[in-house]
C-alpha atoms as a PDB file:
ATOM      1  CA  MET A   1      -0.050  -0.093   0.049  1.00  0.00           C
ATOM      2  CA  ILE A   2       0.987   3.667  -1.117  1.00  0.00           C
ATOM      3  CA  TYR A   3       0.096   6.575   1.690  1.00  0.00           C
ATOM      4  CA  PHE A   4       0.662   9.924   0.353  1.00  0.00           C
ATOM      5  CA  ASN A   5       1.123  12.828   2.236  1.00  0.00           C
ATOM      6  CA  ASN A   6      -1.458  15.306   1.296  1.00  0.00           C
ATOM      7  CA  PRO A   7      -1.805  18.610   3.007  1.00  0.00           C
ATOM      8  CA  SER A   8      -3.972  20.427   1.203  1.00  0.00           C
ATOM      9  CA  THR A   9      -7.220  21.953   2.719  1.00  0.00           C
ATOM     10  CA  ASP A  10      -8.404  23.041  -0.935  1.00  0.00           C
ATOM     11  CA  VAL A  11     -11.354  20.925  -1.354  1.00  0.00           C
ATOM     12  CA  TYR A  12     -11.603  21.371  -5.220  1.00  0.00           C
ATOM     13  CA  PHE A  13      -8.091  19.972  -5.117  1.00  0.00           C
ATOM     14  CA  ASN A  14      -8.689  17.209  -2.498  1.00  0.00           C
ATOM     15  CA  LEU A  15     -11.356  15.960  -5.022  1.00  0.00           C
ATOM     16  CA  ALA A  16      -9.754  16.477  -8.152  1.00  0.00           C
ATOM     17  CA  LEU A  17      -6.885  14.625  -6.742  1.00  0.00           C
ATOM     18  CA  ASP A  18      -9.221  11.507  -5.639  1.00  0.00           C
ATOM     19  CA  GLU A  19     -10.425  11.269  -9.399  1.00  0.00           C
ATOM     20  CA  TYR A  20      -6.904  11.464 -10.774  1.00  0.00           C
ATOM     21  CA  LEU A  21      -5.817   8.847  -8.714  1.00  0.00           C
ATOM     22  CA  LEU A  22      -8.845   6.745  -9.249  1.00  0.00           C
ATOM     23  CA  LYS A  23      -7.743   7.300 -12.872  1.00  0.00           C
ATOM     24  CA  HIS A  24      -4.049   6.620 -12.673  1.00  0.00           C
ATOM     25  CA  ASP A  25      -2.507   3.362 -11.812  1.00  0.00           C
ATOM     26  CA  PHE A  26       0.300   3.293  -9.187  1.00  0.00           C
ATOM     27  CA  GLY A  27       0.284  -0.481  -9.013  1.00  0.00           C
ATOM     28  CA  ASP A  28      -0.480  -0.993  -5.341  1.00  0.00           C
ATOM     29  CA  GLU A  29      -3.041   0.127  -3.042  1.00  0.00           C
ATOM     30  CA  ILE A  30      -3.249   4.124  -1.991  1.00  0.00           C
ATOM     31  CA  PHE A  31      -4.689   5.403   1.219  1.00  0.00           C
ATOM     32  CA  TYR A  32      -4.403   9.244   2.168  1.00  0.00           C
ATOM     33  CA  LEU A  33      -5.740  11.368   4.532  1.00  0.00           C
ATOM     34  CA  TRP A  34      -7.024  15.283   4.243  1.00  0.00           C
ATOM     35  CA  GLN A  35      -9.136  18.043   5.180  1.00  0.00           C
ATOM     36  CA  ASN A  36     -11.388  20.673   3.900  1.00  0.00           C
ATOM     37  CA  ASN A  37     -11.819  23.910   5.003  1.00  0.00           C
ATOM     38  CA  ASN A  38     -15.354  25.473   5.240  1.00  0.00           C
ATOM     39  CA  THR A  39     -17.018  23.455   2.373  1.00  0.00           C
ATOM     40  CA  VAL A  40     -20.355  21.838   1.438  1.00  0.00           C
ATOM     41  CA  VAL A  41     -20.023  18.628  -0.735  1.00  0.00           C
ATOM     42  CA  VAL A  42     -23.052  17.485  -2.305  1.00  0.00           C
ATOM     43  CA  GLY A  43     -23.501  13.957  -3.774  1.00  0.00           C
ATOM     44  CA  LYS A  44     -23.373  13.539  -7.614  1.00  0.00           C
ATOM     45  CA  ASN A  45     -27.117  12.954  -7.774  1.00  0.00           C
ATOM     46  CA  GLN A  46     -28.189  15.761  -5.864  1.00  0.00           C
ATOM     47  CA  ASN A  47     -29.521  18.956  -6.534  1.00  0.00           C
ATOM     48  CA  THR A  48     -26.735  21.553  -5.236  1.00  0.00           C
ATOM     49  CA  LEU A  49     -29.733  24.211  -4.525  1.00  0.00           C
ATOM     50  CA  GLU A  50     -32.015  21.855  -2.883  1.00  0.00           C
ATOM     51  CA  GLU A  51     -29.290  21.072  -0.364  1.00  0.00           C
ATOM     52  CA  ILE A  52     -27.814  24.107   1.034  1.00  0.00           C
ATOM     53  CA  ASN A  53     -28.987  27.280   2.459  1.00  0.00           C
ATOM     54  CA  LEU A  54     -27.934  29.385  -0.586  1.00  0.00           C
ATOM     55  CA  LYS A  55     -27.844  33.040   1.280  1.00  0.00           C
ATOM     56  CA  ALA A  56     -25.974  31.675   4.396  1.00  0.00           C
ATOM     57  CA  VAL A  57     -23.217  30.048   2.260  1.00  0.00           C
ATOM     58  CA  GLU A  58     -22.738  32.894  -0.273  1.00  0.00           C
ATOM     59  CA  GLU A  59     -22.696  35.417   2.917  1.00  0.00           C
ATOM     60  CA  ASP A  60     -20.493  33.286   4.947  1.00  0.00           C
ATOM     61  CA  GLN A  61     -18.079  32.128   1.648  1.00  0.00           C
ATOM     62  CA  VAL A  62     -18.521  28.493   2.172  1.00  0.00           C
ATOM     63  CA  ASN A  63     -17.067  26.336  -0.777  1.00  0.00           C
ATOM     64  CA  ILE A  64     -19.660  24.607  -2.644  1.00  0.00           C
ATOM     65  CA  ILE A  65     -18.681  21.634  -4.460  1.00  0.00           C
ATOM     66  CA  ARG A  66     -19.973  18.546  -6.149  1.00  0.00           C
ATOM     67  CA  ARG A  67     -17.968  15.076  -5.647  1.00  0.00           C
ATOM     68  CA  SER A  68     -18.096  12.360  -8.417  1.00  0.00           C
ATOM     69  CA  SER A  69     -19.686   9.633  -6.092  1.00  0.00           C
ATOM     70  CA  GLY A  70     -23.021   9.431  -4.866  1.00  0.00           C
ATOM     71  CA  GLY A  71     -24.719  10.097  -1.165  1.00  0.00           C
ATOM     72  CA  GLY A  72     -25.985  13.205   0.615  1.00  0.00           C
ATOM     73  CA  ALA A  73     -24.668  16.521   1.338  1.00  0.00           C
ATOM     74  CA  VAL A  74     -22.075  16.957   4.304  1.00  0.00           C
ATOM     75  CA  TYR A  75     -20.535  20.124   5.875  1.00  0.00           C
ATOM     76  CA  GLN A  76     -16.691  19.784   6.616  1.00  0.00           C
ATOM     77  CA  ASP A  77     -14.348  22.305   8.453  1.00  0.00           C
ATOM     78  CA  LYS A  78     -10.668  21.810   9.560  1.00  0.00           C
ATOM     79  CA  GLY A  79     -12.310  19.532  12.515  1.00  0.00           C
ATOM     80  CA  ASN A  80     -13.632  16.521  10.169  1.00  0.00           C
ATOM     81  CA  LEU A  81     -10.812  14.393   8.955  1.00  0.00           C
ATOM     82  CA  CYS A  82     -11.513  12.712   5.135  1.00  0.00           C
ATOM     83  CA  PHE A  83     -10.100   9.484   4.360  1.00  0.00           C
ATOM     84  CA  SER A  84      -9.654   7.825   0.514  1.00  0.00           C
ATOM     85  CA  PHE A  85      -8.770   4.149  -0.179  1.00  0.00           C
ATOM     86  CA  ILE A  86      -7.992   3.260  -3.723  1.00  0.00           C
ATOM     87  CA  VAL A  87      -8.093  -0.517  -4.654  1.00  0.00           C
ATOM     88  CA  ASP A  88      -8.870  -2.824  -7.053  1.00  0.00           C
ATOM     89  CA  LYS A  89     -12.432  -3.489  -7.080  1.00  0.00           C
ATOM     90  CA  ASN A  90     -12.022  -7.556  -6.975  1.00  0.00           C
ATOM     91  CA  SER A  91     -10.134  -7.442  -3.943  1.00  0.00           C
ATOM     92  CA  PRO A  92     -11.393  -8.736  -0.560  1.00  0.00           C
ATOM     93  CA  LEU A  93     -10.967  -5.190   0.908  1.00  0.00           C
ATOM     94  CA  ALA A  94     -13.489  -4.177  -1.673  1.00  0.00           C
ATOM     95  CA  LYS A  95     -16.053  -7.059  -1.024  1.00  0.00           C
ATOM     96  CA  ASN A  96     -18.377  -4.408   0.655  1.00  0.00           C
ATOM     97  CA  TYR A  97     -18.636  -0.996   2.511  1.00  0.00           C
ATOM     98  CA  GLN A  98     -18.100  -2.774   5.822  1.00  0.00           C
ATOM     99  CA  THR A  99     -15.064  -4.773   4.773  1.00  0.00           C
ATOM    100  CA  ILE A 100     -13.488  -1.428   3.456  1.00  0.00           C
ATOM    101  CA  LEU A 101     -14.223   0.630   6.703  1.00  0.00           C
ATOM    102  CA  GLN A 102     -13.074  -1.961   9.148  1.00  0.00           C
ATOM    103  CA  PRO A 103      -9.385  -0.651   9.187  1.00  0.00           C
ATOM    104  CA  ILE A 104     -11.168   2.657  10.375  1.00  0.00           C
ATOM    105  CA  ILE A 105     -13.440   0.890  12.826  1.00  0.00           C
ATOM    106  CA  GLU A 106     -10.556  -0.826  14.067  1.00  0.00           C
ATOM    107  CA  VAL A 107      -8.237   2.148  14.898  1.00  0.00           C
ATOM    108  CA  LEU A 108     -11.481   4.103  16.324  1.00  0.00           C
ATOM    109  CA  GLN A 109     -11.621   1.210  18.894  1.00  0.00           C
ATOM    110  CA  LYS A 110      -7.888   1.380  19.760  1.00  0.00           C
ATOM    111  CA  LEU A 111      -8.553   4.912  21.073  1.00  0.00           C
ATOM    112  CA  GLY A 112     -11.437   3.361  23.291  1.00  0.00           C
ATOM    113  CA  LEU A 113     -14.495   4.179  21.223  1.00  0.00           C
ATOM    114  CA  SER A 114     -17.229   1.851  20.676  1.00  0.00           C
ATOM    115  CA  ALA A 115     -17.002   2.280  17.095  1.00  0.00           C
ATOM    116  CA  LYS A 116     -18.930  -0.116  14.557  1.00  0.00           C
ATOM    117  CA  PHE A 117     -20.432  -0.510  10.778  1.00  0.00           C
ATOM    118  CA  ALA A 118     -24.081   0.803  10.781  1.00  0.00           C
ATOM    119  CA  GLY A 119     -26.472   1.330   8.055  1.00  0.00           C
ATOM    120  CA  LYS A 120     -25.433   1.094   4.443  1.00  0.00           C
ATOM    121  CA  ASN A 121     -22.331   3.085   4.417  1.00  0.00           C
ATOM    122  CA  ASP A 122     -22.200   4.861   8.015  1.00  0.00           C
ATOM    123  CA  ILE A 123     -19.763   4.390  11.330  1.00  0.00           C
ATOM    124  CA  GLU A 124     -21.769   5.140  14.685  1.00  0.00           C
ATOM    125  CA  ILE A 125     -20.686   5.268  18.157  1.00  0.00           C
ATOM    126  CA  ASP A 126     -23.748   4.793  20.606  1.00  0.00           C
ATOM    127  CA  GLY A 127     -26.309   5.475  17.904  1.00  0.00           C
ATOM    128  CA  LYS A 128     -25.060   8.527  16.688  1.00  0.00           C
ATOM    129  CA  LYS A 129     -23.099   8.943  12.921  1.00  0.00           C
ATOM    130  CA  ILE A 130     -19.417   9.993  13.105  1.00  0.00           C
ATOM    131  CA  SER A 131     -18.662   8.928   9.854  1.00  0.00           C
ATOM    132  CA  GLY A 132     -20.535   8.936   5.924  1.00  0.00           C
ATOM    133  CA  ASN A 133     -18.838   7.030   2.904  1.00  0.00           C
ATOM    134  CA  ALA A 134     -18.899   6.946  -0.588  1.00  0.00           C
ATOM    135  CA  GLN A 135     -17.647   5.099  -3.064  1.00  0.00           C
ATOM    136  CA  LEU A 136     -16.789   5.409  -7.170  1.00  0.00           C
ATOM    137  CA  THR A 137     -15.579   2.700  -9.446  1.00  0.00           C
ATOM    138  CA  TYR A 138     -13.104   3.177 -12.959  1.00  0.00           C
ATOM    139  CA  GLN A 139     -12.396   0.170 -14.911  1.00  0.00           C
ATOM    140  CA  ASN A 140     -10.976  -2.381 -11.999  1.00  0.00           C
ATOM    141  CA  ARG A 141     -10.413   0.124  -9.503  1.00  0.00           C
ATOM    142  CA  LEU A 142     -12.473   1.107  -6.499  1.00  0.00           C
ATOM    143  CA  LEU A 143     -12.334   4.713  -5.003  1.00  0.00           C
ATOM    144  CA  HIS A 144     -13.576   4.466  -1.250  1.00  0.00           C
ATOM    145  CA  HIS A 145     -13.936   8.383   0.661  1.00  0.00           C
ATOM    146  CA  GLY A 146     -15.231   9.052   3.866  1.00  0.00           C
ATOM    147  CA  THR A 147     -15.314  11.344   6.898  1.00  0.00           C
ATOM    148  CA  ILE A 148     -14.672  11.513  10.149  1.00  0.00           C
ATOM    149  CA  LEU A 149     -16.110  13.910  12.339  1.00  0.00           C
ATOM    150  CA  PHE A 150     -13.682  14.645  14.856  1.00  0.00           C
ATOM    151  CA  ASP A 151     -14.395  18.606  16.037  1.00  0.00           C
ATOM    152  CA  VAL A 152     -16.346  19.651  13.503  1.00  0.00           C
ATOM    153  CA  ASP A 153     -18.476  23.165  14.616  1.00  0.00           C
ATOM    154  CA  LEU A 154     -21.710  21.133  14.365  1.00  0.00           C
ATOM    155  CA  ALA A 155     -23.704  24.542  14.682  1.00  0.00           C
ATOM    156  CA  LYS A 156     -22.741  25.204  11.206  1.00  0.00           C
ATOM    157  CA  LEU A 157     -24.556  21.757   9.775  1.00  0.00           C
ATOM    158  CA  PRO A 158     -27.973  23.033   9.964  1.00  0.00           C
ATOM    159  CA  LYS A 159     -27.180  26.896   9.312  1.00  0.00           C
ATOM    160  CA  TYR A 160     -25.625  25.996   5.667  1.00  0.00           C
ATOM    161  CA  LEU A 161     -27.633  22.674   5.122  1.00  0.00           C
ATOM    162  CA  ASN A 162     -31.143  23.547   5.922  1.00  0.00           C
ATOM    163  CA  VAL A 163     -33.610  23.995   3.293  1.00  0.00           C
ATOM    164  CA  ASP A 164     -37.023  24.496   3.606  1.00  0.00           C
ATOM    165  CA  GLN A 165     -38.161  21.496   1.771  1.00  0.00           C
ATOM    166  CA  SER A 166     -41.570  23.359   1.020  1.00  0.00           C
ATOM    167  CA  LYS A 167     -40.206  25.733  -1.665  1.00  0.00           C
ATOM    168  CA  ILE A 168     -38.018  23.636  -4.055  1.00  0.00           C
ATOM    169  CA  ILE A 169     -39.632  20.319  -5.872  1.00  0.00           C
ATOM    170  CA  SER A 170     -36.830  18.331  -7.958  1.00  0.00           C
ATOM    171  CA  LYS A 171     -35.793  14.826  -8.915  1.00  0.00           C
ATOM    172  CA  GLY A 172     -32.350  15.278  -7.104  1.00  0.00           C
ATOM    173  CA  ILE A 173     -31.731  12.477  -4.294  1.00  0.00           C
ATOM    174  CA  LYS A 174     -32.333  14.226  -1.258  1.00  0.00           C
ATOM    175  CA  SER A 175     -30.094  14.021   1.930  1.00  0.00           C
ATOM    176  CA  ILE A 176     -31.256  12.209   4.971  1.00  0.00           C
ATOM    177  CA  PRO A 177     -30.967  13.856   8.166  1.00  0.00           C
ATOM    178  CA  ALA A 178     -29.266  11.845  10.795  1.00  0.00           C
ATOM    179  CA  ARG A 179     -27.839  12.072  14.519  1.00  0.00           C
ATOM    180  CA  VAL A 180     -24.505  12.746  14.349  1.00  0.00           C
ATOM    181  CA  THR A 181     -21.499  13.634  16.852  1.00  0.00           C
ATOM    182  CA  ASN A 182     -17.839  14.672  16.865  1.00  0.00           C
ATOM    183  CA  ILE A 183     -15.821  12.047  18.727  1.00  0.00           C
ATOM    184  CA  ARG A 184     -13.256  14.293  20.192  1.00  0.00           C
ATOM    185  CA  PRO A 185     -15.560  14.632  23.680  1.00  0.00           C
ATOM    186  CA  LEU A 186     -15.419  10.916  23.544  1.00  0.00           C
ATOM    187  CA  LEU A 187     -12.360  10.644  23.817  1.00  0.00           C
ATOM    188  CA  LYS A 188     -10.780   9.502  27.368  1.00  0.00           C
ATOM    189  CA  THR A 189      -7.579  11.369  26.786  1.00  0.00           C
ATOM    190  CA  ASP A 190      -8.002  14.495  24.526  1.00  0.00           C
ATOM    191  CA  ILE A 191      -5.827  14.628  21.336  1.00  0.00           C
ATOM    192  CA  THR A 192      -5.900  17.408  18.449  1.00  0.00           C
ATOM    193  CA  ILE A 193      -6.746  16.397  15.138  1.00  0.00           C
ATOM    194  CA  GLU A 194      -3.264  16.389  14.151  1.00  0.00           C
ATOM    195  CA  GLN A 195      -2.513  13.753  16.361  1.00  0.00           C
ATOM    196  CA  PHE A 196      -5.435  12.323  15.811  1.00  0.00           C
ATOM    197  CA  ARG A 197      -4.486  11.959  12.224  1.00  0.00           C
ATOM    198  CA  ASP A 198      -0.843  10.809  12.898  1.00  0.00           C
ATOM    199  CA  PHE A 199      -2.250   7.703  14.940  1.00  0.00           C
ATOM    200  CA  ILE A 200      -4.270   6.581  11.927  1.00  0.00           C
ATOM    201  CA  ILE A 201      -1.324   7.087   9.849  1.00  0.00           C
ATOM    202  CA  GLN A 202       0.854   5.261  12.156  1.00  0.00           C
ATOM    203  CA  GLN A 203      -1.783   2.204  13.013  1.00  0.00           C
ATOM    204  CA  LEU A 204      -2.603   2.007   9.219  1.00  0.00           C
ATOM    205  CA  VAL A 205       1.102   2.274   7.926  1.00  0.00           C
ATOM    206  CA  SER A 206       2.144  -0.383  10.318  1.00  0.00           C
ATOM    207  CA  ASP A 207      -0.777  -2.563   9.836  1.00  0.00           C
ATOM    208  CA  LYS A 208      -0.515  -2.605   6.011  1.00  0.00           C
ATOM    209  CA  GLY A 209       3.361  -2.037   5.833  1.00  0.00           C
ATOM    210  CA  ALA A 210       2.856   1.138   3.712  1.00  0.00           C
ATOM    211  CA  GLN A 211       4.906   3.283   1.822  1.00  0.00           C
ATOM    212  CA  VAL A 212       4.814   7.028   2.625  1.00  0.00           C
ATOM    213  CA  LEU A 213       5.211   9.144  -0.305  1.00  0.00           C
ATOM    214  CA  ASP A 214       4.660  12.640  -0.967  1.00  0.00           C
ATOM    215  CA  LEU A 215       2.761  13.463  -4.001  1.00  0.00           C
ATOM    216  CA  PRO A 216       5.111  14.372  -6.833  1.00  0.00           C
ATOM    217  CA  ALA A 217       5.252  17.667  -8.507  1.00  0.00           C
ATOM    218  CA  GLN A 218       4.060  16.426 -12.045  1.00  0.00           C
ATOM    219  CA  VAL A 219       0.653  14.925 -10.212  1.00  0.00           C
ATOM    220  CA  ILE A 220       0.335  18.136  -8.139  1.00  0.00           C
ATOM    221  CA  ALA A 221       0.431  20.099 -11.467  1.00  0.00           C
ATOM    222  CA  GLU A 222      -2.267  17.682 -13.063  1.00  0.00           C
ATOM    223  CA  VAL A 223      -4.858  17.327 -10.184  1.00  0.00           C
ATOM    224  CA  ASN A 224      -4.936  21.438 -10.230  1.00  0.00           C
ATOM    225  CA  LYS A 225      -5.380  21.610 -14.118  1.00  0.00           C
ATOM    226  CA  LEU A 226      -8.146  19.009 -13.298  1.00  0.00           C
ATOM    227  CA  ALA A 227      -9.634  21.009 -10.370  1.00  0.00           C
ATOM    228  CA  ASP A 228      -9.477  24.246 -12.273  1.00  0.00           C
ATOM    229  CA  GLU A 229     -11.341  22.648 -15.664  1.00  0.00           C
ATOM    230  CA  LYS A 230     -13.864  20.511 -13.709  1.00  0.00           C
ATOM    231  CA  TYR A 231     -14.552  20.923  -9.818  1.00  0.00           C
ATOM    232  CA  ARG A 232     -14.147  24.364  -9.596  1.00  0.00           C
ATOM    233  CA  THR A 233     -16.176  25.491 -12.371  1.00  0.00           C
ATOM    234  CA  TRP A 234     -20.308  26.614 -11.830  1.00  0.00           C
ATOM    235  CA  ASP A 235     -21.200  24.151 -14.743  1.00  0.00           C
ATOM    236  CA  TRP A 236     -20.098  21.011 -12.519  1.00  0.00           C
ATOM    237  CA  ASN A 237     -21.205  22.574  -8.962  1.00  0.00           C
ATOM    238  CA  TYR A 238     -24.439  24.213 -10.013  1.00  0.00           C
ATOM    239  CA  GLY A 239     -25.485  23.190 -13.436  1.00  0.00           C
ATOM    240  CA  SER A 240     -24.826  19.471 -13.239  1.00  0.00           C
ATOM    241  CA  SER A 241     -28.031  19.725 -10.718  1.00  0.00           C
ATOM    242  CA  PRO A 242     -31.669  17.886 -11.769  1.00  0.00           C
ATOM    243  CA  GLU A 243     -34.519  20.333 -12.873  1.00  0.00           C
ATOM    244  CA  PHE A 244     -36.309  21.862 -10.264  1.00  0.00           C
ATOM    245  CA  THR A 245     -39.257  24.175  -9.488  1.00  0.00           C
ATOM    246  CA  TYR A 246     -39.206  26.712  -6.300  1.00  0.00           C
ATOM    247  CA  GLN A 247     -41.852  28.858  -5.006  1.00  0.00           C
ATOM    248  CA  HIS A 248     -41.556  31.422  -2.441  1.00  0.00           C
ATOM    249  CA  LYS A 249     -43.673  34.093  -0.687  1.00  0.00           C
ATOM    250  CA  ILE A 250     -42.858  36.511   1.633  1.00  0.00           C
ATOM    251  CA  ARG A 251     -45.328  39.397   2.867  1.00  0.00           C
ATOM    252  CA  TYR A 252     -43.852  42.505   4.046  1.00  0.00           C
ATOM    253  CA  GLU A 253     -45.452  44.665   6.675  1.00  0.00           C
ATOM    254  CA  GLY A 254     -46.903  47.729   5.055  1.00  0.00           C
ATOM    255  CA  LYS A 255     -45.386  46.961   1.633  1.00  0.00           C
ATOM    256  CA  GLY A 256     -47.392  44.107   0.486  1.00  0.00           C
ATOM    257  CA  THR A 257     -46.568  40.272  -0.387  1.00  0.00           C
ATOM    258  CA  VAL A 258     -44.826  38.830  -3.250  1.00  0.00           C
ATOM    259  CA  ASP A 259     -44.763  35.386  -4.510  1.00  0.00           C
ATOM    260  CA  ILE A 260     -42.337  34.094  -6.822  1.00  0.00           C
ATOM    261  CA  ARG A 261     -42.492  30.841  -9.098  1.00  0.00           C
ATOM    262  CA  LEU A 262     -39.811  29.524 -11.065  1.00  0.00           C
ATOM    263  CA  ASN A 263     -38.484  26.239 -13.251  1.00  0.00           C
ATOM    264  CA  VAL A 264     -34.652  26.158 -12.886  1.00  0.00           C
ATOM    265  CA  GLU A 265     -32.769  23.686 -15.176  1.00  0.00           C
ATOM    266  CA  GLN A 266     -28.907  22.995 -15.281  1.00  0.00           C
ATOM    267  CA  GLY A 267     -28.568  26.068 -12.801  1.00  0.00           C
ATOM    268  CA  LYS A 268     -30.271  28.520 -15.114  1.00  0.00           C
ATOM    269  CA  ILE A 269     -34.112  30.140 -14.436  1.00  0.00           C
ATOM    270  CA  THR A 270     -35.966  28.864 -17.334  1.00  0.00           C
ATOM    271  CA  LYS A 271     -39.627  30.243 -16.640  1.00  0.00           C
ATOM    272  CA  ILE A 272     -40.702  32.868 -13.695  1.00  0.00           C
ATOM    273  CA  LYS A 273     -43.753  34.435 -12.732  1.00  0.00           C
ATOM    274  CA  ILE A 274     -44.318  36.797 -10.143  1.00  0.00           C
ATOM    275  CA  PHE A 275     -47.332  37.653  -8.110  1.00  0.00           C
ATOM    276  CA  GLY A 276     -48.583  39.632  -5.210  1.00  0.00           C
ATOM    277  CA  ASP A 277     -50.276  42.286  -3.884  1.00  0.00           C
ATOM    278  CA  PHE A 278     -47.725  44.936  -4.081  1.00  0.00           C
ATOM    279  CA  LEU A 279     -48.663  48.308  -5.263  1.00  0.00           C
ATOM    280  CA  GLY A 280     -46.042  49.049  -8.063  1.00  0.00           C
ATOM    281  CA  SER A 281     -47.061  51.328 -10.955  1.00  0.00           C
ATOM    282  CA  GLN A 282     -45.411  49.350 -13.541  1.00  0.00           C
ATOM    283  CA  GLY A 283     -45.580  45.496 -14.397  1.00  0.00           C
ATOM    284  CA  ALA A 284     -43.385  42.662 -13.994  1.00  0.00           C
ATOM    285  CA  GLU A 285     -43.446  41.306 -16.989  1.00  0.00           C
ATOM    286  CA  GLN A 286     -39.801  43.104 -18.323  1.00  0.00           C
ATOM    287  CA  LEU A 287     -38.355  41.833 -15.106  1.00  0.00           C
ATOM    288  CA  GLU A 288     -39.351  38.159 -15.585  1.00  0.00           C
ATOM    289  CA  ALA A 289     -38.187  38.470 -19.355  1.00  0.00           C
ATOM    290  CA  ALA A 290     -34.811  39.788 -17.937  1.00  0.00           C
ATOM    291  CA  LEU A 291     -34.466  36.940 -15.526  1.00  0.00           C
ATOM    292  CA  ILE A 292     -34.952  34.205 -17.907  1.00  0.00           C
ATOM    293  CA  ASN A 293     -31.590  32.476 -18.790  1.00  0.00           C
ATOM    294  CA  CYS A 294     -30.097  33.911 -15.432  1.00  0.00           C
ATOM    295  CA  LYS A 295     -27.738  31.780 -13.498  1.00  0.00           C
ATOM    296  CA  TYR A 296     -29.363  30.760 -10.193  1.00  0.00           C
ATOM    297  CA  THR A 297     -27.270  32.848  -7.572  1.00  0.00           C
ATOM    298  CA  ARG A 298     -27.934  35.637  -5.284  1.00  0.00           C
ATOM    299  CA  VAL A 299     -25.282  37.725  -7.424  1.00  0.00           C
ATOM    300  CA  ASP A 300     -26.458  37.025 -10.746  1.00  0.00           C
ATOM    301  CA  ILE A 301     -30.075  38.009  -9.960  1.00  0.00           C
ATOM    302  CA  LYS A 302     -28.829  41.064  -8.332  1.00  0.00           C
ATOM    303  CA  ASN A 303     -27.072  42.552 -11.280  1.00  0.00           C
ATOM    304  CA  VAL A 304     -30.550  42.136 -13.218  1.00  0.00           C
ATOM    305  CA  LEU A 305     -32.707  43.274 -10.443  1.00  0.00           C
ATOM    306  CA  GLU A 306     -30.266  46.490 -10.496  1.00  0.00           C
ATOM    307  CA  GLN A 307     -30.883  47.199 -13.752  1.00  0.00           C
ATOM    308  CA  PHE A 308     -34.844  47.856 -13.088  1.00  0.00           C
ATOM    309  CA  ASP A 309     -36.605  50.605 -10.725  1.00  0.00           C
ATOM    310  CA  ILE A 310     -37.480  48.231  -7.930  1.00  0.00           C
ATOM    311  CA  GLN A 311     -40.135  50.496  -6.324  1.00  0.00           C
ATOM    312  CA  ALA A 312     -41.771  51.333  -9.791  1.00  0.00           C
ATOM    313  CA  ILE A 313     -42.348  47.427 -10.197  1.00  0.00           C
ATOM    314  CA  PHE A 314     -42.915  46.764  -6.701  1.00  0.00           C
ATOM    315  CA  GLY A 315     -44.069  49.588  -4.837  1.00  0.00           C
ATOM    316  CA  GLN A 316     -42.547  52.515  -2.590  1.00  0.00           C
ATOM    317  CA  ASN A 317     -39.650  51.347   0.049  1.00  0.00           C
ATOM    318  CA  PHE A 318     -39.365  47.821  -1.745  1.00  0.00           C
ATOM    319  CA  THR A 319     -35.493  47.327  -1.900  1.00  0.00           C
ATOM    320  CA  THR A 320     -33.795  45.192  -4.153  1.00  0.00           C
ATOM    321  CA  ASP A 321     -32.797  42.833  -1.609  1.00  0.00           C
ATOM    322  CA  GLU A 322     -36.218  42.204  -0.094  1.00  0.00           C
ATOM    323  CA  ILE A 323     -36.922  40.959  -3.997  1.00  0.00           C
ATOM    324  CA  ILE A 324     -33.944  38.623  -3.886  1.00  0.00           C
ATOM    325  CA  ASP A 325     -34.896  37.305  -0.849  1.00  0.00           C
ATOM    326  CA  VAL A 326     -38.194  36.387  -2.255  1.00  0.00           C
ATOM    327  CA  VAL A 327     -36.562  34.742  -5.418  1.00  0.00           C
ATOM    328  CA  ILE A 328     -33.343  33.185  -3.771  1.00  0.00           C
ATOM    329  CA  ASN A 329     -33.861  31.907  -0.072  1.00  0.00           C
END
C-alpha cells in the first residue's frame, strides 16, 4: 500500500486528487488523509440548490462542490478528517462497505471508542453517526472516500444545510438527516486532530506495511489542472443539478406580498412568474423576461434586478435585497 501525504485543505484540489488517483494506476493500493476548510460537499446525483441554504453559504463564503460519487450533502471544516482508499475492485478489502471500513473502525476502537459499522455506509458510536462514506469505480479500480467527525462545528450543519423543502420540488436525491456527533468529546484522553491523523497513519502504515510518499510535482500540477477545468467550475457544481421548481412568498409589512414561482434547469432560470398584492405602477413582465436564462445565484440575480426601478415595479420602500430574498432563499 502507498500512503500519500496530502497537506491541502482546498476541497477542489482534494476531490480532483481523488479522481486523478482513481484513474491513474500506481501499481498498488493507495490510502491518504485530507481536510477541507469551510465547505459543503453534495453528492453527484443531488440538486445543489436544494441541499444548501444559498444565502448563508454565499454570505459566509462557504466553498460549494459536487463530488463524483453518490450519497448526501455534508458540511466540512478543519475539524473533519477525510480519508480515501483506492483498491482493486475485486480485492477482499473492496467486498463491501463494511470490509473496507474495518481498518478505520479498528483504529477508532484502539482509542477506546465503541465504533461500529451501521446502516448502508456509516460508522456510528452509541447510535450517532461519526462517519459517512461513498464509493466510485473506474475500470478495475474502486475509490472509497469517507469522513470522520472529529471536532466539527456542528452548529454550522443546520445553518448551511437547512433548506425549506416545501419551496423546492426536484428529482435530485435528497439528503436524509441523521443524528451526528464528534468523537473528540468521547475520547478518554484529549488529543488534537493532528495527533488523531498521525495515529491513524501510524496504525495503518504499521498494519499494511505502507510506503509513505509525497505527491509528485507532476501529479500536483495535473490535479490542479483537473480542479480548474472541472471541480472549480459553476457548470459542475451547480449546472449539473437536476431540474427543479421553486415557490416562495414573503409578506413585507406595510408594503405587500411578493410571490415568486420559477423553474430552474442546469442551474439557470427557465420560467418565472411574479405574483402578489404589491402596489408598483409598472408591471413585472420585463423583469420576468430579463431573469430568463439568468444563473440561479444571488450575485447574478442581483445584477439583473439592479437594472430595474424596483420601487416602480413593487411599490414604495421596496428594496432590491427584499426581492432577492423572495427569488432565492
